[in-house]
Amino acid sequence: MDISIVKELVSIMESSSLTSMEVELGGQRVKLAREVKIEQNIMPSVVQAAAVPQPVQEAQVNIIKVGETEQKPVEKSVGAKEVKAPMVGIFRSLESVGKGEPVTAGTALKKGQTVCLIEAMKLLIEIEMEEDGVITEQLVEDGEMVEYGQALFLFK
């Protein structure tokens, strides 16, 4: 490789923020690298002045509660069990995500069968039945935010 080409590469590297480069021309390879020196800015020490007490002005404080979800009390019929949300997320029915028929009152499900999904952090988590049963009531709507431990369905 011609020395003028190498000099040109060095000048390119000096005029840029590159720390290394590798060039291959006509079967010859050149690798250039330079050390990066890190400059530390040393802050001058700060002289502390004596604190002078200032009169305190009254401030008006408004407390705003944002995003509270109100869980409705669930009226359980005798012998009914709950399918509860194992995490915080958005309730999704099987039908809304194309994973099957909707689960409604009267739907018989087996242990391990998916009853709904909860969307959390762009992931769909399948919620399965813990035992065989027949759904008696759906307690939340598709797209509704659910809390950990919130009842989603009642079943017998």
N, C-alpha and C. Protein backbone atom coordinates (compact mmCIF):
# COMPACT_ATOMS: atom_id res chain seq x y z
N MET A 1 0.86 -1.16 0.00
CA MET A 1 0.00 0.00 0.00
C MET A 1 0.91 1.23 0.00
N ASP A 2 0.54 2.19 -0.78
CA ASP A 2 1.32 3.42 -0.93
C ASP A 2 1.27 4.25 0.36
N ILE A 3 2.42 4.84 0.74
CA ILE A 3 2.52 5.63 1.97
C ILE A 3 1.61 6.85 1.94
N SER A 4 1.34 7.39 0.75
CA SER A 4 0.46 8.57 0.66
C SER A 4 -0.98 8.21 1.06
N ILE A 5 -1.38 6.99 0.78
CA ILE A 5 -2.71 6.53 1.18
C ILE A 5 -2.78 6.41 2.71
N VAL A 6 -1.71 5.88 3.30
CA VAL A 6 -1.66 5.73 4.76
C VAL A 6 -1.71 7.11 5.41
N LYS A 7 -0.95 8.08 4.86
CA LYS A 7 -0.97 9.44 5.41
C LYS A 7 -2.36 10.06 5.30
N GLU A 8 -3.04 9.80 4.19
CA GLU A 8 -4.40 10.31 4.01
C GLU A 8 -5.35 9.70 5.05
N LEU A 9 -5.20 8.40 5.33
CA LEU A 9 -6.03 7.74 6.34
C LEU A 9 -5.76 8.33 7.72
N VAL A 10 -4.49 8.63 8.03
CA VAL A 10 -4.14 9.22 9.32
C VAL A 10 -4.78 10.59 9.45
N SER A 11 -4.74 11.41 8.38
CA SER A 11 -5.33 12.74 8.45
C SER A 11 -6.86 12.66 8.61
N ILE A 12 -7.49 11.69 7.97
CA ILE A 12 -8.94 11.49 8.13
C ILE A 12 -9.26 11.15 9.59
N MET A 13 -8.44 10.27 10.16
CA MET A 13 -8.67 9.86 11.53
C MET A 13 -8.45 11.01 12.51
N GLU A 14 -7.45 11.83 12.27
CA GLU A 14 -7.16 12.97 13.15
C GLU A 14 -8.27 14.03 13.09
N SER A 15 -8.89 14.20 11.93
CA SER A 15 -9.92 15.23 11.78
C SER A 15 -11.31 14.74 12.20
N SER A 16 -11.41 13.48 12.61
CA SER A 16 -12.71 12.95 13.04
C SER A 16 -12.61 12.45 14.47
N SER A 17 -13.70 11.90 14.95
CA SER A 17 -13.72 11.38 16.32
C SER A 17 -13.48 9.87 16.33
N LEU A 18 -13.01 9.32 15.22
CA LEU A 18 -12.73 7.88 15.15
C LEU A 18 -11.59 7.52 16.08
N THR A 19 -11.70 6.36 16.73
CA THR A 19 -10.62 5.88 17.58
C THR A 19 -9.86 4.75 16.92
N SER A 20 -10.48 4.10 15.91
CA SER A 20 -9.79 3.05 15.16
C SER A 20 -10.45 2.88 13.80
N MET A 21 -9.66 2.38 12.85
CA MET A 21 -10.21 2.05 11.53
C MET A 21 -9.34 0.97 10.91
N GLU A 22 -9.97 0.20 10.03
CA GLU A 22 -9.27 -0.86 9.33
C GLU A 22 -9.67 -0.77 7.87
N VAL A 23 -8.64 -0.72 6.97
CA VAL A 23 -8.90 -0.55 5.54
C VAL A 23 -8.12 -1.63 4.79
N GLU A 24 -8.79 -2.21 3.78
CA GLU A 24 -8.14 -3.20 2.94
C GLU A 24 -8.23 -2.74 1.49
N LEU A 25 -7.07 -2.60 0.85
CA LEU A 25 -7.00 -2.19 -0.55
C LEU A 25 -6.04 -3.12 -1.29
N GLY A 26 -6.48 -3.68 -2.36
CA GLY A 26 -5.63 -4.53 -3.19
C GLY A 26 -4.98 -5.67 -2.45
N GLY A 27 -5.68 -6.25 -1.50
CA GLY A 27 -5.15 -7.40 -0.77
C GLY A 27 -4.27 -7.01 0.41
N GLN A 28 -4.03 -5.72 0.62
CA GLN A 28 -3.24 -5.27 1.77
C GLN A 28 -4.17 -4.59 2.77
N ARG A 29 -3.90 -4.87 4.03
CA ARG A 29 -4.76 -4.36 5.08
C ARG A 29 -3.96 -3.48 6.02
N VAL A 30 -4.58 -2.35 6.43
CA VAL A 30 -3.97 -1.44 7.39
C VAL A 30 -4.98 -1.19 8.50
N LYS A 31 -4.49 -1.30 9.74
CA LYS A 31 -5.35 -1.02 10.89
C LYS A 31 -4.72 0.11 11.68
N LEU A 32 -5.49 1.18 11.89
CA LEU A 32 -5.03 2.34 12.64
C LEU A 32 -5.87 2.47 13.90
N ALA A 33 -5.22 2.79 15.01
CA ALA A 33 -5.94 2.99 16.27
C ALA A 33 -5.21 4.07 17.06
N ARG A 34 -5.96 4.79 17.88
CA ARG A 34 -5.34 5.79 18.73
C ARG A 34 -5.92 5.69 20.13
N GLU A 35 -5.13 6.12 21.10
CA GLU A 35 -5.59 6.11 22.48
C GLU A 35 -6.53 7.28 22.70
N VAL A 36 -7.51 7.04 23.50
CA VAL A 36 -8.45 8.10 23.83
C VAL A 36 -8.10 8.57 25.23
N LYS A 37 -7.77 9.83 25.34
CA LYS A 37 -7.45 10.40 26.65
C LYS A 37 -8.72 11.03 27.20
N ILE A 38 -9.06 10.62 28.39
CA ILE A 38 -10.25 11.15 29.05
C ILE A 38 -9.84 12.28 29.95
N GLU A 39 -10.36 13.45 29.68
CA GLU A 39 -10.06 14.61 30.49
C GLU A 39 -11.06 14.67 31.63
N GLN A 40 -10.53 14.88 32.81
CA GLN A 40 -11.40 15.01 33.96
C GLN A 40 -11.52 16.48 34.30
N ASN A 41 -12.74 16.93 34.35
CA ASN A 41 -12.98 18.32 34.76
C ASN A 41 -13.01 18.35 36.27
N ILE A 42 -12.08 19.07 36.84
CA ILE A 42 -12.02 19.18 38.29
C ILE A 42 -12.74 20.45 38.67
N MET A 43 -13.76 20.27 39.44
CA MET A 43 -14.58 21.41 39.86
C MET A 43 -13.87 22.12 41.00
N PRO A 44 -13.81 23.45 40.95
CA PRO A 44 -13.22 24.16 42.09
C PRO A 44 -14.11 23.96 43.30
N SER A 45 -13.47 23.93 44.46
CA SER A 45 -14.26 23.72 45.67
C SER A 45 -15.20 24.90 45.88
N VAL A 46 -16.35 24.60 46.41
CA VAL A 46 -17.39 25.60 46.60
C VAL A 46 -17.29 26.14 48.01
N VAL A 47 -17.31 27.44 48.11
CA VAL A 47 -17.28 28.09 49.41
C VAL A 47 -18.72 28.20 49.88
N GLN A 48 -18.98 27.67 51.05
CA GLN A 48 -20.34 27.71 51.58
C GLN A 48 -20.55 28.98 52.39
N ALA A 49 -21.62 29.66 52.11
CA ALA A 49 -21.98 30.86 52.87
C ALA A 49 -22.87 30.46 54.02
N ALA A 50 -22.88 31.24 55.02
CA ALA A 50 -23.73 30.96 56.17
C ALA A 50 -25.19 31.09 55.74
N ALA A 51 -26.01 30.14 56.16
CA ALA A 51 -27.41 30.15 55.79
C ALA A 51 -28.15 31.19 56.63
N VAL A 52 -28.91 32.02 55.95
CA VAL A 52 -29.70 33.03 56.64
C VAL A 52 -31.16 32.58 56.57
N PRO A 53 -31.81 32.43 57.73
CA PRO A 53 -33.20 31.99 57.70
C PRO A 53 -34.09 32.99 56.96
N GLN A 54 -34.97 32.46 56.14
CA GLN A 54 -35.91 33.28 55.38
C GLN A 54 -37.32 32.97 55.86
N PRO A 55 -38.20 33.95 55.81
CA PRO A 55 -39.58 33.67 56.22
C PRO A 55 -40.23 32.68 55.25
N VAL A 56 -41.02 31.77 55.79
CA VAL A 56 -41.69 30.75 55.00
C VAL A 56 -43.05 31.26 54.58
N GLN A 57 -43.34 31.12 53.28
CA GLN A 57 -44.64 31.52 52.77
C GLN A 57 -45.54 30.30 52.74
N GLU A 58 -46.81 30.51 53.00
CA GLU A 58 -47.74 29.40 52.94
C GLU A 58 -47.98 29.01 51.49
N ALA A 59 -48.07 27.72 51.27
CA ALA A 59 -48.34 27.22 49.92
C ALA A 59 -49.61 26.39 49.96
N GLN A 60 -50.37 26.51 48.90
CA GLN A 60 -51.60 25.73 48.79
C GLN A 60 -51.25 24.42 48.10
N VAL A 61 -51.65 23.32 48.69
CA VAL A 61 -51.36 22.00 48.14
C VAL A 61 -52.66 21.34 47.73
N ASN A 62 -52.72 20.92 46.48
CA ASN A 62 -53.88 20.19 45.98
C ASN A 62 -53.45 18.75 45.75
N ILE A 63 -54.15 17.81 46.32
CA ILE A 63 -53.84 16.40 46.13
C ILE A 63 -54.79 15.86 45.08
N ILE A 64 -54.21 15.32 44.03
CA ILE A 64 -55.00 14.77 42.93
C ILE A 64 -54.70 13.29 42.85
N LYS A 65 -55.72 12.47 42.91
CA LYS A 65 -55.54 11.02 42.79
C LYS A 65 -55.78 10.64 41.34
N VAL A 66 -54.76 10.07 40.73
CA VAL A 66 -54.83 9.73 39.32
C VAL A 66 -54.74 8.22 39.16
N GLY A 67 -55.55 7.69 38.28
CA GLY A 67 -55.45 6.28 37.88
C GLY A 67 -55.89 5.27 38.92
N GLU A 68 -56.67 5.68 39.90
CA GLU A 68 -57.14 4.69 40.85
C GLU A 68 -58.22 3.84 40.20
N THR A 69 -58.09 2.54 40.34
CA THR A 69 -59.12 1.67 39.79
C THR A 69 -59.99 1.21 40.96
N GLU A 70 -61.26 1.30 40.75
CA GLU A 70 -62.19 0.92 41.78
C GLU A 70 -62.65 -0.51 41.53
N GLN A 71 -62.34 -1.40 42.47
CA GLN A 71 -62.78 -2.77 42.33
C GLN A 71 -64.18 -2.88 42.91
N LYS A 72 -65.07 -3.37 42.09
CA LYS A 72 -66.45 -3.54 42.53
C LYS A 72 -66.54 -4.77 43.42
N PRO A 73 -67.31 -4.70 44.49
CA PRO A 73 -67.46 -5.88 45.34
C PRO A 73 -68.14 -7.00 44.55
N VAL A 74 -67.62 -8.20 44.72
CA VAL A 74 -68.15 -9.35 43.99
C VAL A 74 -69.16 -10.08 44.87
N GLU A 75 -70.34 -10.25 44.33
CA GLU A 75 -71.36 -11.01 45.05
C GLU A 75 -71.25 -12.46 44.60
N LYS A 76 -70.72 -13.29 45.48
CA LYS A 76 -70.54 -14.69 45.14
C LYS A 76 -71.78 -15.48 45.53
N SER A 77 -72.20 -16.31 44.60
CA SER A 77 -73.29 -17.20 44.95
C SER A 77 -72.71 -18.36 45.76
N VAL A 78 -73.55 -19.06 46.46
CA VAL A 78 -73.10 -20.15 47.33
C VAL A 78 -72.37 -21.21 46.51
N GLY A 79 -71.17 -21.54 46.93
CA GLY A 79 -70.39 -22.59 46.25
C GLY A 79 -69.60 -22.10 45.05
N ALA A 80 -69.69 -20.83 44.72
CA ALA A 80 -68.96 -20.30 43.56
C ALA A 80 -67.50 -20.06 43.93
N LYS A 81 -66.63 -20.30 42.98
CA LYS A 81 -65.20 -20.06 43.15
C LYS A 81 -64.79 -18.98 42.16
N GLU A 82 -63.61 -18.37 42.39
CA GLU A 82 -63.16 -17.27 41.55
C GLU A 82 -61.92 -17.66 40.73
N VAL A 83 -61.87 -17.15 39.51
CA VAL A 83 -60.64 -17.16 38.72
C VAL A 83 -60.07 -15.77 38.95
N LYS A 84 -58.89 -15.70 39.58
CA LYS A 84 -58.31 -14.41 39.95
C LYS A 84 -57.14 -14.04 39.05
N ALA A 85 -56.92 -12.74 38.91
CA ALA A 85 -55.80 -12.22 38.12
C ALA A 85 -54.51 -12.46 38.90
N PRO A 86 -53.53 -13.14 38.30
CA PRO A 86 -52.27 -13.39 38.99
C PRO A 86 -51.30 -12.20 38.89
N MET A 87 -51.72 -11.16 38.18
CA MET A 87 -50.84 -10.01 37.97
C MET A 87 -51.65 -8.79 37.56
N VAL A 88 -51.02 -7.65 37.55
CA VAL A 88 -51.65 -6.41 37.07
C VAL A 88 -51.51 -6.38 35.56
N GLY A 89 -52.56 -5.97 34.87
CA GLY A 89 -52.51 -5.89 33.41
C GLY A 89 -53.86 -5.55 32.83
N ILE A 90 -53.97 -5.79 31.53
CA ILE A 90 -55.22 -5.52 30.81
C ILE A 90 -55.88 -6.84 30.46
N PHE A 91 -57.13 -6.99 30.86
CA PHE A 91 -57.89 -8.22 30.60
C PHE A 91 -58.17 -8.34 29.11
N ARG A 92 -57.89 -9.51 28.54
CA ARG A 92 -58.18 -9.78 27.13
C ARG A 92 -58.95 -11.10 27.05
N SER A 93 -60.08 -11.08 26.34
CA SER A 93 -60.83 -12.31 26.12
C SER A 93 -60.14 -13.12 25.04
N LEU A 94 -60.40 -14.42 25.02
CA LEU A 94 -59.79 -15.29 24.00
C LEU A 94 -60.20 -14.84 22.60
N GLU A 95 -61.45 -14.44 22.46
CA GLU A 95 -61.98 -14.03 21.16
C GLU A 95 -61.28 -12.77 20.65
N SER A 96 -60.98 -11.81 21.54
CA SER A 96 -60.39 -10.54 21.11
C SER A 96 -58.99 -10.68 20.55
N VAL A 97 -58.28 -11.74 20.94
CA VAL A 97 -56.92 -11.94 20.43
C VAL A 97 -56.85 -13.10 19.44
N GLY A 98 -58.01 -13.63 19.06
CA GLY A 98 -58.05 -14.70 18.06
C GLY A 98 -57.55 -16.04 18.56
N LYS A 99 -57.73 -16.32 19.85
CA LYS A 99 -57.25 -17.58 20.42
C LYS A 99 -58.37 -18.55 20.72
N GLY A 100 -59.58 -18.25 20.28
CA GLY A 100 -60.65 -19.21 20.53
C GLY A 100 -61.99 -18.54 20.74
N GLU A 101 -62.94 -19.37 21.14
CA GLU A 101 -64.30 -18.92 21.39
C GLU A 101 -64.35 -18.13 22.70
N PRO A 102 -65.30 -17.19 22.79
CA PRO A 102 -65.40 -16.42 24.03
C PRO A 102 -65.84 -17.30 25.20
N VAL A 103 -65.32 -17.01 26.38
CA VAL A 103 -65.72 -17.72 27.59
C VAL A 103 -66.84 -16.89 28.22
N THR A 104 -68.03 -17.48 28.29
CA THR A 104 -69.19 -16.77 28.84
C THR A 104 -69.86 -17.66 29.88
N ALA A 105 -70.89 -17.14 30.51
CA ALA A 105 -71.64 -17.93 31.50
C ALA A 105 -72.14 -19.22 30.84
N GLY A 106 -71.91 -20.33 31.49
CA GLY A 106 -72.34 -21.63 30.97
C GLY A 106 -71.23 -22.39 30.26
N THR A 107 -70.09 -21.77 30.02
CA THR A 107 -68.97 -22.44 29.35
C THR A 107 -68.32 -23.41 30.32
N ALA A 108 -68.22 -24.67 29.93
CA ALA A 108 -67.56 -25.69 30.76
C ALA A 108 -66.08 -25.74 30.38
N LEU A 109 -65.22 -25.68 31.38
CA LEU A 109 -63.78 -25.69 31.15
C LEU A 109 -63.12 -26.75 32.01
N LYS A 110 -62.04 -27.31 31.50
CA LYS A 110 -61.27 -28.34 32.21
C LYS A 110 -60.06 -27.68 32.87
N LYS A 111 -59.49 -28.34 33.85
CA LYS A 111 -58.29 -27.88 34.52
C LYS A 111 -57.17 -27.70 33.48
N GLY A 112 -56.49 -26.54 33.52
CA GLY A 112 -55.40 -26.26 32.59
C GLY A 112 -55.85 -25.59 31.31
N GLN A 113 -57.15 -25.49 31.07
CA GLN A 113 -57.66 -24.85 29.86
C GLN A 113 -57.62 -23.33 30.04
N THR A 114 -57.21 -22.62 28.98
CA THR A 114 -57.10 -21.16 29.03
C THR A 114 -58.49 -20.54 29.09
N VAL A 115 -58.66 -19.63 30.05
CA VAL A 115 -59.95 -18.97 30.25
C VAL A 115 -59.92 -17.53 29.72
N CYS A 116 -58.74 -16.88 29.78
CA CYS A 116 -58.57 -15.52 29.28
C CYS A 116 -57.07 -15.21 29.22
N LEU A 117 -56.75 -13.98 28.86
CA LEU A 117 -55.35 -13.56 28.83
C LEU A 117 -55.23 -12.23 29.54
N ILE A 118 -54.03 -11.95 30.06
CA ILE A 118 -53.75 -10.64 30.64
C ILE A 118 -52.54 -10.09 29.91
N GLU A 119 -52.71 -8.88 29.40
CA GLU A 119 -51.62 -8.21 28.67
C GLU A 119 -50.83 -7.36 29.65
N ALA A 120 -49.53 -7.63 29.70
CA ALA A 120 -48.64 -6.86 30.56
C ALA A 120 -47.31 -6.68 29.83
N MET A 121 -46.87 -5.46 29.70
CA MET A 121 -45.62 -5.13 29.02
C MET A 121 -45.55 -5.73 27.62
N LYS A 122 -46.62 -5.59 26.88
CA LYS A 122 -46.74 -6.06 25.49
C LYS A 122 -46.67 -7.59 25.37
N LEU A 123 -46.84 -8.30 26.47
CA LEU A 123 -46.90 -9.76 26.45
C LEU A 123 -48.30 -10.21 26.82
N LEU A 124 -48.77 -11.29 26.21
CA LEU A 124 -50.06 -11.87 26.55
C LEU A 124 -49.82 -13.10 27.41
N ILE A 125 -50.29 -13.06 28.64
CA ILE A 125 -50.12 -14.16 29.59
C ILE A 125 -51.43 -14.93 29.67
N GLU A 126 -51.37 -16.24 29.39
CA GLU A 126 -52.58 -17.07 29.43
C GLU A 126 -52.95 -17.39 30.88
N ILE A 127 -54.22 -17.22 31.20
CA ILE A 127 -54.74 -17.54 32.53
C ILE A 127 -55.53 -18.84 32.39
N GLU A 128 -55.12 -19.85 33.15
CA GLU A 128 -55.72 -21.18 33.01
C GLU A 128 -56.59 -21.50 34.22
N MET A 129 -57.55 -22.41 33.98
CA MET A 129 -58.41 -22.90 35.05
C MET A 129 -57.56 -23.76 35.98
N GLU A 130 -57.77 -23.60 37.29
CA GLU A 130 -57.03 -24.41 38.26
C GLU A 130 -57.73 -25.72 38.57
N GLU A 131 -59.01 -25.81 38.16
CA GLU A 131 -59.77 -27.05 38.32
C GLU A 131 -60.93 -27.04 37.33
N ASP A 132 -61.53 -28.18 37.13
CA ASP A 132 -62.68 -28.27 36.23
C ASP A 132 -63.83 -27.43 36.78
N GLY A 133 -64.62 -26.84 35.87
CA GLY A 133 -65.76 -26.06 36.33
C GLY A 133 -66.56 -25.47 35.19
N VAL A 134 -67.69 -24.87 35.54
CA VAL A 134 -68.57 -24.19 34.59
C VAL A 134 -68.62 -22.72 34.99
N ILE A 135 -68.32 -21.84 34.04
CA ILE A 135 -68.32 -20.40 34.29
C ILE A 135 -69.75 -19.95 34.58
N THR A 136 -69.93 -19.21 35.67
CA THR A 136 -71.26 -18.68 36.01
C THR A 136 -71.37 -17.19 35.71
N GLU A 137 -70.21 -16.48 35.75
CA GLU A 137 -70.27 -15.04 35.49
C GLU A 137 -68.89 -14.50 35.12
N GLN A 138 -68.85 -13.59 34.12
CA GLN A 138 -67.62 -12.87 33.78
C GLN A 138 -67.71 -11.53 34.50
N LEU A 139 -66.69 -11.18 35.29
CA LEU A 139 -66.76 -10.00 36.13
C LEU A 139 -66.07 -8.76 35.55
N VAL A 140 -65.26 -8.93 34.52
CA VAL A 140 -64.57 -7.79 33.90
C VAL A 140 -64.80 -7.79 32.40
N GLU A 141 -64.66 -6.64 31.79
CA GLU A 141 -64.87 -6.49 30.35
C GLU A 141 -63.52 -6.52 29.62
N ASP A 142 -63.55 -6.87 28.35
CA ASP A 142 -62.35 -6.89 27.52
C ASP A 142 -61.73 -5.49 27.46
N GLY A 143 -60.42 -5.41 27.69
CA GLY A 143 -59.72 -4.13 27.65
C GLY A 143 -59.67 -3.41 28.98
N GLU A 144 -60.30 -3.99 30.00
CA GLU A 144 -60.34 -3.36 31.32
C GLU A 144 -59.06 -3.66 32.10
N MET A 145 -58.55 -2.67 32.81
CA MET A 145 -57.37 -2.84 33.66
C MET A 145 -57.75 -3.68 34.87
N VAL A 146 -56.93 -4.69 35.19
CA VAL A 146 -57.19 -5.53 36.36
C VAL A 146 -56.00 -5.48 37.31
N GLU A 147 -56.28 -5.68 38.57
CA GLU A 147 -55.28 -5.66 39.63
C GLU A 147 -54.93 -7.08 40.05
N TYR A 148 -53.81 -7.23 40.72
CA TYR A 148 -53.41 -8.52 41.26
C TYR A 148 -54.48 -9.01 42.24
N GLY A 149 -54.91 -10.25 42.07
CA GLY A 149 -55.88 -10.86 42.98
C GLY A 149 -57.33 -10.50 42.69
N GLN A 150 -57.58 -9.67 41.68
CA GLN A 150 -58.95 -9.29 41.33
C GLN A 150 -59.66 -10.48 40.69
N ALA A 151 -60.91 -10.70 41.07
CA ALA A 151 -61.71 -11.78 40.50
C ALA A 151 -62.07 -11.44 39.05
N LEU A 152 -61.84 -12.38 38.14
CA LEU A 152 -62.14 -12.20 36.73
C LEU A 152 -63.42 -12.93 36.34
N PHE A 153 -63.57 -14.16 36.87
CA PHE A 153 -64.74 -15.01 36.56
C PHE A 153 -65.17 -15.69 37.86
N LEU A 154 -66.45 -16.06 37.88
CA LEU A 154 -66.96 -16.96 38.92
C LEU A 154 -67.28 -18.28 38.23
N PHE A 155 -67.01 -19.40 38.93
CA PHE A 155 -67.33 -20.71 38.37
C PHE A 155 -67.74 -21.66 39.48
N LYS A 156 -68.43 -22.74 39.07
CA LYS A 156 -68.83 -23.80 40.03
C LYS A 156 -68.25 -25.10 39.56
